[in-house]
Protein backbone atom coordinates (compact mmCIF):
# COMPACT_ATOMS: atom_id res chain seq x y z
CA MET A 1 -6.82 52.62 -58.37
CA ASP A 2 -7.51 53.21 -54.72
CA VAL A 3 -10.89 54.25 -53.29
CA LYS A 4 -10.50 57.06 -50.72
CA SER A 5 -13.03 55.66 -48.27
CA ALA A 6 -14.22 52.09 -47.80
CA PHE A 7 -16.54 50.72 -45.16
CA LEU A 8 -15.00 47.38 -44.26
CA ASN A 9 -17.49 46.31 -41.61
CA GLY A 10 -20.71 47.82 -42.92
CA ASP A 11 -23.85 45.79 -43.54
CA LEU A 12 -24.65 45.36 -47.22
CA LYS A 13 -28.21 46.53 -47.86
CA GLU A 14 -28.00 46.86 -51.65
CA GLU A 15 -28.72 44.21 -54.24
CA VAL A 16 -25.56 42.75 -55.76
CA TYR A 17 -25.77 41.60 -59.37
CA VAL A 18 -23.53 39.08 -61.06
CA HIS A 19 -25.22 39.91 -64.36
CA GLN A 20 -26.59 43.10 -65.86
CA PRO A 21 -29.38 44.56 -63.69
CA PRO A 22 -32.82 45.01 -65.27
CA GLY A 23 -32.93 48.00 -67.61
CA PHE A 24 -29.23 47.85 -68.53
CA VAL A 25 -29.41 44.95 -70.97
CA ILE A 26 -29.49 45.94 -74.64
CA PRO A 27 -31.81 43.53 -76.48
CA GLY A 28 -29.96 41.54 -79.13
CA LYS A 29 -26.55 42.41 -77.64
CA VAL A 30 -26.59 40.04 -74.67
CA GLY A 31 -23.39 37.93 -74.48
CA LYS A 32 -22.06 39.17 -77.90
CA GLY A 33 -19.37 41.61 -76.70
CA SER A 34 -18.01 44.35 -78.94
CA GLY A 35 -15.54 43.10 -81.51
CA GLY A 36 -13.12 41.37 -79.16
CA ASN A 37 -12.74 44.32 -76.80
CA ALA A 38 -12.66 43.54 -73.10
CA LEU A 39 -12.51 45.64 -69.94
CA LEU A 40 -11.76 43.74 -66.74
CA VAL A 41 -12.11 45.21 -63.25
CA ASP A 42 -10.96 43.35 -60.13
CA VAL A 43 -12.21 44.78 -56.84
CA TYR A 44 -10.73 43.89 -53.45
CA VAL A 45 -12.01 46.01 -50.54
CA ASP A 46 -10.87 49.51 -51.63
CA ASP A 47 -8.48 48.58 -54.44
CA LEU A 48 -9.34 48.20 -58.11
CA VAL A 49 -7.20 46.57 -60.77
CA ILE A 50 -8.38 47.73 -64.18
CA THR A 51 -7.15 46.28 -67.46
CA GLY A 52 -8.43 45.89 -70.97
CA THR A 53 -7.62 45.29 -74.60
CA LYS A 54 -7.68 49.00 -75.49
CA ASP A 55 -5.81 51.62 -73.47
CA ALA A 56 -8.32 54.33 -74.45
CA GLU A 57 -11.23 52.33 -72.98
CA VAL A 58 -9.28 51.73 -69.76
CA ALA A 59 -8.47 55.45 -69.48
CA THR A 60 -12.11 56.41 -70.13
CA PHE A 61 -13.34 53.98 -67.47
CA LYS A 62 -10.82 55.32 -64.93
CA GLU A 63 -11.93 58.90 -65.58
CA GLU A 64 -15.61 57.93 -65.20
CA MET A 65 -14.83 56.19 -61.89
CA LYS A 66 -12.85 59.19 -60.60
CA ALA A 67 -15.72 61.52 -61.58
CA THR A 68 -18.23 59.38 -59.67
CA PHE A 69 -16.19 58.29 -56.64
CA GLN A 70 -13.26 59.75 -54.71
CA MET A 71 -10.42 57.68 -56.12
CA SER A 72 -6.76 58.05 -56.94
CA ASP A 73 -4.92 56.39 -59.79
CA LEU A 74 -1.83 54.67 -58.42
CA GLY A 75 -0.43 53.99 -61.91
CA PRO A 76 0.75 50.64 -63.24
CA LEU A 77 0.23 47.60 -61.02
CA TYR A 78 3.40 46.59 -59.14
CA PHE A 79 2.13 44.77 -56.04
CA TYR A 80 -1.32 43.28 -55.33
CA LEU A 81 -2.46 40.89 -52.59
CA GLY A 82 1.11 39.83 -51.82
CA ILE A 83 2.00 39.21 -55.46
CA GLU A 84 4.67 41.25 -57.24
CA VAL A 85 3.72 42.18 -60.80
CA HIS A 86 6.43 42.95 -63.38
CA GLN A 87 5.20 44.25 -66.75
CA ASP A 88 6.97 45.01 -70.01
CA ASP A 89 5.88 45.23 -73.65
CA SER A 90 5.90 41.48 -74.24
CA ARG A 91 4.79 39.87 -70.98
CA ILE A 92 3.55 40.09 -67.42
CA THR A 93 5.45 38.16 -64.74
CA LEU A 94 4.00 37.36 -61.32
CA ARG A 95 6.34 36.68 -58.37
CA GLN A 96 6.00 35.96 -54.68
CA THR A 97 9.52 36.86 -53.65
CA ALA A 98 8.46 38.73 -50.48
CA TYR A 99 6.29 35.78 -49.41
CA ALA A 100 9.08 33.26 -50.04
CA LYS A 101 11.55 35.37 -48.04
CA ARG A 102 9.06 35.57 -45.16
CA VAL A 103 8.62 31.77 -45.16
CA VAL A 104 12.41 31.32 -45.06
CA GLU A 105 12.64 33.78 -42.14
CA LEU A 106 9.85 32.04 -40.20
CA ALA A 107 11.57 28.69 -40.71
CA GLY A 108 14.84 30.14 -39.36
CA LEU A 109 16.71 29.38 -42.59
CA THR A 110 18.02 32.85 -43.46
CA ASP A 111 21.64 31.87 -42.75
CA CYS A 112 21.53 28.71 -44.90
CA ASN A 113 23.46 28.45 -48.14
CA PRO A 114 21.20 28.57 -51.20
CA ALA A 115 21.23 25.67 -53.65
CA LEU A 116 19.83 25.39 -57.15
CA THR A 117 18.93 21.74 -56.61
CA PRO A 118 17.19 20.29 -53.55
CA MET A 119 19.53 17.28 -53.39
CA GLU A 120 23.19 16.41 -53.40
CA GLU A 121 24.88 17.16 -56.73
CA ARG A 122 26.19 14.26 -58.84
CA LEU A 123 24.38 11.76 -56.61
CA LYS A 124 24.06 8.36 -58.30
CA LEU A 125 20.86 6.52 -57.49
CA SER A 126 20.55 2.76 -57.83
CA HIS A 127 17.92 0.04 -57.32
CA ASP A 128 20.62 -2.00 -55.57
CA SER A 129 21.25 0.59 -52.86
CA THR A 130 21.90 -0.83 -49.37
CA THR A 131 21.28 2.40 -47.48
CA LYS A 132 18.51 2.52 -44.90
CA GLU A 133 15.17 3.69 -46.31
CA VAL A 134 13.88 7.06 -45.16
CA ASP A 135 10.41 7.34 -43.65
CA ALA A 136 8.60 9.54 -46.18
CA THR A 137 6.02 10.67 -43.63
């Protein structure tokens, strides 16, 4: 989800809690959870990544957020903080293809031939080698 307006350089005057603020804790329920259900929210500037164990709880949370703040739901997560996210029914795969391509471009290696192995194929290594040692530094 994307927040419509964010104040990137504003001074923070509010209290920030890393635990439930006073008055929101339910006595006897602290740290017990609710039957294995989880709702996770990641916030980075004006972007929220929301996930959970139950789709209905995620949808309810999104609707509550949209009712309180001006937000838009961008749908499933595909790209976040430079990481490509590929999701299907059985797994989530994270890739940094765009970052790797950028590193190759910056190094001036875009015209090089790709190789699956970083060394010569079928190279035979031996303790008795007489070749000059390479300075590892």
